[in-house]
Amino acid sequence: MVNLTSLVTEFILMGFSDIRDYQIMHATLFFLIYLIALLGNLTIIILTTSDQHLNSPMYFFLKTLSLLDLCFISVTVPRAIVHSLTQNGTISFLGCVAQVFLVVLFACAELALLTVMSYDRYVAICHPLHYQVVLKKEACETMVVASWLSGVASGFLNTSVTFSLPFCGSNFVHQFFCEIPSLLKLSCSEKYLAEIGAIIVTTSLGFVCFISIMVSYIHIFSTVLRIASVESRSKAFSTCIPHLVVVTVFLTTGSVAYLKPVSEVPSVWDLLVSVFYTVVPPTLNPIIYSLKNKDMQTAFWKMLRRMIMLQKTTKKQPHRQST
């Protein structure tokens, strides 16, 4: 039998609009979002690596999350920006395969890591005396490696099943990146059972992660409510609730994108749902996890002062040599 997949050698990403003014607007908006995500995640990685006071398991997980977010948003947004500016959405077949694999990898790894981070907060708040014993360095590294491996396994599963289907018709993908549901519409085979099975397996794992996160935060909230200090309670709630909002948005929109029936007519809703699970979390996570964190703020201002002092010293150095 002829491998019909070889008949399609490239895909064309349709993006958000064919109108030039809208394309420029999308490129500008995505550039600003990408810049915020880049600066925020890089700042967290630098701070948690260089500052010795930020060496607890929480900051180790936060650094890993920032690395994942940086990789996750870099898979889709830069190409979408170039596409809007150049009006060329062509992506090679292998490039599309790589994009699908990386999107699934980083999305699933991030969800697993968010589950680990909720467990970290559960132990820290509900069992503070056992924190150092439960979350040793080896245990933290094992959980991070397991998160990455779960992403790799999910990426291989979904990518291999998706591209085992024959593509012999249209190559126009009505998305700003190669997304599995949009690719399924282009297959000339109606036997999606394997891919549906892969998506159900991945979604089920996501559901288990979500339930685990919710259970952790239920225990956290029940413990926080027993705290006598009103200020401490409000501080804990203001920290935990934004985390839950981002996790809920990430999981809900991702599940809707992959589980809803594939529509024959592309819609703006499909694009917005994809933006909410691929672009919004990597941008908001650095703000949510560090904005109200006093240790992170202290480390940031300390680093900023060192940079200013270094710049002053560098400016004075030539003057000393000339004298």
Protein backbone atom coordinates (compact mmCIF):
# COMPACT_ATOMS: atom_id res chain seq x y z
CA MET A 1 0.00 0.00 0.00
CA VAL A 2 1.16 3.51 -0.81
CA ASN A 3 1.91 5.69 2.22
CA LEU A 4 -0.51 8.55 1.56
CA THR A 5 1.13 10.67 4.26
CA SER A 6 3.99 11.36 1.86
CA LEU A 7 1.57 13.18 -0.47
CA VAL A 8 1.52 16.10 1.97
CA THR A 9 5.02 17.53 2.37
CA GLU A 10 4.10 20.74 4.17
CA PHE A 11 1.25 22.46 5.99
CA ILE A 12 0.01 26.04 5.84
CA LEU A 13 -0.95 27.64 9.15
CA MET A 14 -3.83 30.04 8.53
CA GLY A 15 -3.32 32.08 11.70
CA PHE A 16 -5.78 34.68 12.95
CA SER A 17 -6.70 36.77 9.92
CA ASP A 18 -6.00 37.52 6.26
CA ILE A 19 -6.41 41.28 6.80
CA ARG A 20 -3.02 42.99 6.94
CA ASP A 21 -3.89 45.46 9.71
CA TYR A 22 -5.13 42.62 11.92
CA GLN A 23 -1.97 40.62 11.18
CA ILE A 24 0.20 43.52 12.35
CA MET A 25 -1.95 43.88 15.47
CA HIS A 26 -1.66 40.15 16.25
CA ALA A 27 2.12 40.22 15.71
CA THR A 28 2.50 43.24 18.01
CA LEU A 29 0.30 41.74 20.72
CA PHE A 30 2.06 38.37 20.57
CA PHE A 31 5.46 40.09 20.64
CA LEU A 32 4.54 42.00 23.82
CA ILE A 33 3.16 38.85 25.43
CA TYR A 34 6.25 36.85 24.48
CA LEU A 35 8.52 39.62 25.81
CA ILE A 36 6.68 39.62 29.16
CA ALA A 37 6.88 35.82 29.39
CA LEU A 38 10.54 35.82 28.38
CA LEU A 39 11.60 38.48 30.89
CA GLY A 40 9.47 37.06 33.70
CA ASN A 41 10.59 33.45 33.36
CA LEU A 42 14.26 34.32 32.76
CA THR A 43 14.23 36.56 35.83
CA ILE A 44 12.89 33.74 38.00
CA ILE A 45 15.46 31.29 36.61
CA ILE A 46 18.33 33.74 37.26
CA LEU A 47 17.15 34.66 40.76
CA THR A 48 16.52 31.09 41.94
CA THR A 49 19.88 30.00 40.53
CA SER A 50 22.06 32.84 41.82
CA ASP A 51 20.51 33.67 45.21
CA GLN A 52 21.45 31.22 47.97
CA HIS A 53 18.40 32.17 50.02
CA LEU A 54 16.15 30.74 47.30
CA ASN A 55 17.28 27.14 47.62
CA SER A 56 14.18 25.53 49.11
CA PRO A 57 12.19 22.88 47.18
CA MET A 58 9.51 25.46 46.34
CA TYR A 59 11.98 27.60 44.42
CA PHE A 60 13.54 24.56 42.77
CA PHE A 61 10.11 23.63 41.42
CA LEU A 62 9.43 27.25 40.47
CA LYS A 63 12.67 27.41 38.48
CA THR A 64 11.70 24.23 36.62
CA LEU A 65 8.23 25.64 35.94
CA SER A 66 9.77 28.81 34.50
CA LEU A 67 12.01 26.74 32.24
CA LEU A 68 9.00 24.73 31.05
CA ASP A 69 6.96 27.90 30.46
CA LEU A 70 9.81 29.46 28.50
CA CYS A 71 10.09 26.40 26.27
CA PHE A 72 6.32 26.01 25.96
CA ILE A 73 5.59 29.53 24.70
CA SER A 74 8.68 29.52 22.46
CA VAL A 75 7.32 26.59 20.47
CA THR A 76 4.29 28.48 19.13
CA VAL A 77 4.45 32.26 19.58
CA PRO A 78 7.68 33.23 17.70
CA ARG A 79 6.57 31.33 14.60
CA ALA A 80 3.12 32.94 14.83
CA ILE A 81 4.76 36.39 14.99
CA VAL A 82 6.90 35.68 11.92
CA HIS A 83 3.86 34.28 10.12
CA SER A 84 1.84 37.45 10.74
CA LEU A 85 4.68 39.74 9.67
CA THR A 86 5.72 37.84 6.54
CA GLN A 87 2.27 36.51 5.60
CA ASN A 88 3.90 33.11 5.14
CA GLY A 89 2.42 30.36 7.31
CA THR A 90 4.16 27.46 5.59
CA ILE A 91 5.62 24.80 7.91
CA SER A 92 7.31 21.61 6.74
CA PHE A 93 5.85 18.22 7.53
CA LEU A 94 8.69 17.41 9.95
CA GLY A 95 8.41 20.88 11.46
CA CYS A 96 4.74 20.23 12.15
CA VAL A 97 5.59 16.86 13.71
CA ALA A 98 8.18 18.52 15.96
CA GLN A 99 5.73 21.27 16.97
CA VAL A 100 3.00 18.79 17.93
CA PHE A 101 5.47 16.71 19.93
CA LEU A 102 6.89 19.72 21.81
CA VAL A 103 3.51 21.29 22.56
CA VAL A 104 2.18 18.05 24.07
CA LEU A 105 5.46 17.42 25.89
CA PHE A 106 5.64 20.82 27.59
CA ALA A 107 1.90 20.99 28.31
CA CYS A 108 1.79 17.57 30.01
CA ALA A 109 5.09 18.12 31.83
CA GLU A 110 3.82 21.47 33.14
CA LEU A 111 0.59 19.93 34.39
CA ALA A 112 2.54 17.19 36.19
CA LEU A 113 4.85 19.81 37.72
CA LEU A 114 1.92 21.95 38.88
CA THR A 115 0.62 18.84 40.65
CA VAL A 116 4.00 18.39 42.32
CA MET A 117 4.03 22.06 43.36
CA SER A 118 0.59 21.76 44.93
CA TYR A 119 1.88 18.79 46.93
CA ASP A 120 4.88 20.89 47.99
CA ARG A 121 2.55 23.60 49.33
CA TYR A 122 0.40 20.95 51.03
CA VAL A 123 3.37 19.55 52.93
CA ALA A 124 4.72 23.02 53.76
CA ILE A 125 1.41 24.29 55.20
CA CYS A 126 -0.24 21.16 56.59
CA HIS A 127 2.87 19.26 57.77
CA PRO A 128 5.61 21.88 58.21
CA LEU A 129 7.63 19.77 60.67
CA HIS A 130 8.02 17.00 58.09
CA TYR A 131 8.81 19.31 55.18
CA GLN A 132 12.57 18.82 55.10
CA VAL A 133 12.20 15.06 55.55
CA VAL A 134 9.53 14.50 52.88
CA LEU A 135 10.93 16.88 50.28
CA LYS A 136 14.61 16.03 50.27
CA LYS A 137 16.77 17.07 47.35
CA GLU A 138 16.71 13.56 45.86
CA ALA A 139 12.91 13.38 46.14
CA CYS A 140 12.48 16.78 44.47
CA GLU A 141 14.80 15.84 41.61
CA THR A 142 12.94 12.54 41.14
CA MET A 143 9.59 14.32 40.93
CA VAL A 144 10.92 16.83 38.39
CA VAL A 145 12.41 14.07 36.24
CA ALA A 146 9.11 12.17 36.44
CA SER A 147 7.27 15.30 35.27
CA TRP A 148 9.55 15.65 32.25
CA LEU A 149 9.30 11.93 31.43
CA SER A 150 5.50 12.05 31.59
CA GLY A 151 5.59 14.89 29.07
CA VAL A 152 7.97 12.99 26.78
CA ALA A 153 5.81 9.86 26.93
CA SER A 154 2.62 11.82 26.17
CA GLY A 155 4.37 13.65 23.34
CA PHE A 156 5.54 10.42 21.72
CA LEU A 157 2.14 8.76 22.15
CA ASN A 158 0.05 11.55 20.64
CA THR A 159 2.52 12.49 17.89
CA SER A 160 3.10 8.96 16.67
CA VAL A 161 -0.61 8.17 16.57
CA THR A 162 -1.55 11.45 14.86
CA PHE A 163 1.01 11.20 12.08
CA SER A 164 0.35 7.52 11.48
CA LEU A 165 -2.86 8.70 9.79
CA PRO A 166 -2.70 9.41 6.04
CA PHE A 167 -2.77 13.06 4.92
CA CYS A 168 -3.71 13.33 1.27
CA GLY A 169 -6.15 16.22 1.02
CA SER A 170 -5.96 19.88 1.98
CA ASN A 171 -2.90 21.08 3.91
CA PHE A 172 -4.46 24.25 5.36
CA VAL A 173 -4.39 24.17 9.19
CA HIS A 174 -6.87 26.64 10.67
CA GLN A 175 -4.71 27.43 13.69
CA PHE A 176 -1.62 29.48 14.51
CA PHE A 177 0.33 26.27 15.27
CA CYS A 178 0.07 22.57 14.46
CA GLU A 179 -2.65 21.36 16.81
CA ILE A 180 -3.83 17.75 16.80
CA PRO A 181 -7.62 18.38 16.42
CA SER A 182 -6.96 20.68 13.44
CA LEU A 183 -4.69 18.08 11.86
CA LEU A 184 -7.29 15.34 12.26
CA LYS A 185 -9.61 17.32 9.98
CA LEU A 186 -7.00 17.05 7.21
CA SER A 187 -6.65 13.30 7.32
CA CYS A 188 -8.24 11.31 4.51
CA SER A 189 -8.92 8.51 6.98
CA GLU A 190 -11.91 8.42 9.28
CA LYS A 191 -10.35 5.88 11.64
CA TYR A 192 -9.51 8.16 14.55
CA LEU A 193 -9.96 5.52 17.23
CA ALA A 194 -6.23 5.29 18.01
CA GLU A 195 -5.88 9.08 18.27
CA ILE A 196 -9.08 9.39 20.27
CA GLY A 197 -7.71 6.72 22.61
CA ALA A 198 -4.42 8.61 22.97
CA ILE A 199 -6.26 11.87 23.72
CA ILE A 200 -8.50 10.14 26.26
CA VAL A 201 -5.47 8.63 28.01
CA THR A 202 -3.73 12.02 28.16
CA THR A 203 -6.90 13.79 29.31
CA SER A 204 -7.51 11.15 31.98
CA LEU A 205 -4.02 11.72 33.35
CA GLY A 206 -4.75 15.45 33.29
CA PHE A 207 -7.98 14.84 35.22
CA VAL A 208 -6.07 12.82 37.83
CA CYS A 209 -3.59 15.70 38.17
CA PHE A 210 -6.42 18.19 38.55
CA ILE A 211 -8.11 16.11 41.25
CA SER A 212 -4.77 15.77 43.07
CA ILE A 213 -4.29 19.55 42.93
CA MET A 214 -7.80 20.17 44.23
CA VAL A 215 -7.36 17.70 47.08
CA SER A 216 -4.08 19.36 48.07
CA TYR A 217 -5.66 22.81 48.12
CA ILE A 218 -8.72 21.61 50.03
CA HIS A 219 -6.40 20.41 52.79
CA ILE A 220 -4.45 23.67 52.53
CA PHE A 221 -7.59 25.81 52.84
CA SER A 222 -8.90 23.76 55.77
CA THR A 223 -5.58 24.28 57.56
CA VAL A 224 -5.43 27.99 56.72
CA LEU A 225 -8.98 28.55 58.05
CA ARG A 226 -7.81 27.34 61.44
CA ILE A 227 -5.13 30.04 61.58
CA ALA A 228 -6.07 32.70 64.12
CA SER A 229 -4.42 35.61 62.31
CA VAL A 230 -6.70 37.25 59.74
CA GLU A 231 -3.69 38.70 57.93
CA SER A 232 -2.06 35.28 57.57
CA ARG A 233 -5.29 33.77 56.25
CA SER A 234 -5.79 36.50 53.65
CA LYS A 235 -2.16 36.19 52.58
CA ALA A 236 -2.50 32.43 52.08
CA PHE A 237 -5.76 32.79 50.16
CA SER A 238 -4.38 35.57 47.94
CA THR A 239 -1.47 33.30 47.07
CA CYS A 240 -3.36 30.04 46.50
CA ILE A 241 -6.45 31.27 44.64
CA PRO A 242 -4.53 32.76 41.65
CA HIS A 243 -2.66 29.45 41.32
CA LEU A 244 -5.94 27.58 41.15
CA VAL A 245 -7.34 30.02 38.59
CA VAL A 246 -4.38 29.53 36.24
CA VAL A 247 -4.47 25.74 36.65
CA THR A 248 -8.22 25.69 36.03
CA VAL A 249 -7.95 27.86 32.90
CA PHE A 250 -5.05 25.76 31.62
CA LEU A 251 -6.84 22.44 32.12
CA THR A 252 -10.30 23.58 31.05
CA THR A 253 -9.24 25.20 27.79
CA GLY A 254 -6.83 22.37 26.97
CA SER A 255 -9.55 19.78 27.55
CA VAL A 256 -12.06 21.75 25.47
CA ALA A 257 -9.57 22.08 22.61
CA TYR A 258 -8.86 18.34 22.46
CA LEU A 259 -12.16 16.77 23.51
CA LYS A 260 -14.76 18.87 21.71
CA PRO A 261 -16.00 17.56 18.34
CA VAL A 262 -13.96 18.77 15.40
CA SER A 263 -16.00 21.48 13.68
CA GLU A 264 -16.17 21.65 9.92
CA VAL A 265 -16.11 25.44 9.89
CA PRO A 266 -13.15 27.07 11.71
CA SER A 267 -14.07 29.68 14.30
CA VAL A 268 -12.43 32.41 16.37
CA TRP A 269 -13.43 30.44 19.46
CA ASP A 270 -11.05 27.62 18.48
CA LEU A 271 -8.17 30.11 18.23
CA LEU A 272 -8.99 31.75 21.56
CA VAL A 273 -9.19 28.41 23.36
CA SER A 274 -5.75 27.47 22.00
CA VAL A 275 -4.31 30.82 23.11
CA PHE A 276 -5.65 30.32 26.64
CA TYR A 277 -3.82 27.03 27.20
CA THR A 278 -0.61 27.69 25.23
CA VAL A 279 0.08 31.41 25.76
CA VAL A 280 -1.71 32.64 28.90
CA PRO A 281 -0.23 30.28 31.57
CA PRO A 282 3.46 30.80 30.59
CA THR A 283 2.84 34.56 30.73
CA LEU A 284 0.89 34.70 33.99
CA ASN A 285 2.81 32.09 36.00
CA PRO A 286 5.89 34.28 36.64
CA ILE A 287 3.65 37.15 37.78
CA ILE A 288 1.46 35.02 40.03
CA TYR A 289 4.24 32.98 41.62
CA SER A 290 6.59 35.90 42.29
CA LEU A 291 4.60 39.14 42.50
CA LYS A 292 3.58 38.73 46.16
CA ASN A 293 6.61 36.68 47.19
CA LYS A 294 8.76 38.81 49.50
CA ASP A 295 11.82 36.55 49.12
CA MET A 296 11.65 36.90 45.34
CA GLN A 297 11.21 40.66 45.62
CA THR A 298 14.19 40.93 47.95
CA ALA A 299 16.36 38.83 45.64
CA PHE A 300 15.29 40.91 42.63
CA TRP A 301 16.16 44.26 44.22
CA LYS A 302 19.43 42.81 45.50
CA MET A 303 20.33 41.69 41.98
CA LEU A 304 19.32 45.08 40.59
CA ARG A 305 21.54 46.90 43.10
CA ARG A 306 24.48 44.65 42.19
CA MET A 307 23.96 45.44 38.51
CA ILE A 308 23.86 49.20 39.22
CA MET A 309 27.01 49.01 41.35
CA LEU A 310 28.77 46.97 38.68
CA GLN A 311 27.78 49.50 36.03
CA LYS A 312 29.11 52.39 38.17
CA THR A 313 32.36 50.54 38.77
CA THR A 314 32.74 49.88 35.04
CA LYS A 315 32.23 53.58 34.26
CA LYS A 316 34.81 54.67 36.83
CA GLN A 317 37.44 52.17 35.69
CA PRO A 318 38.61 54.01 32.50
CA HIS A 319 38.90 57.28 34.45
CA ARG A 320 41.25 55.64 36.97
CA GLN A 321 43.40 54.21 34.21
CA SER A 322 43.73 57.59 32.48
CA THR A 323 44.86 59.28 35.70
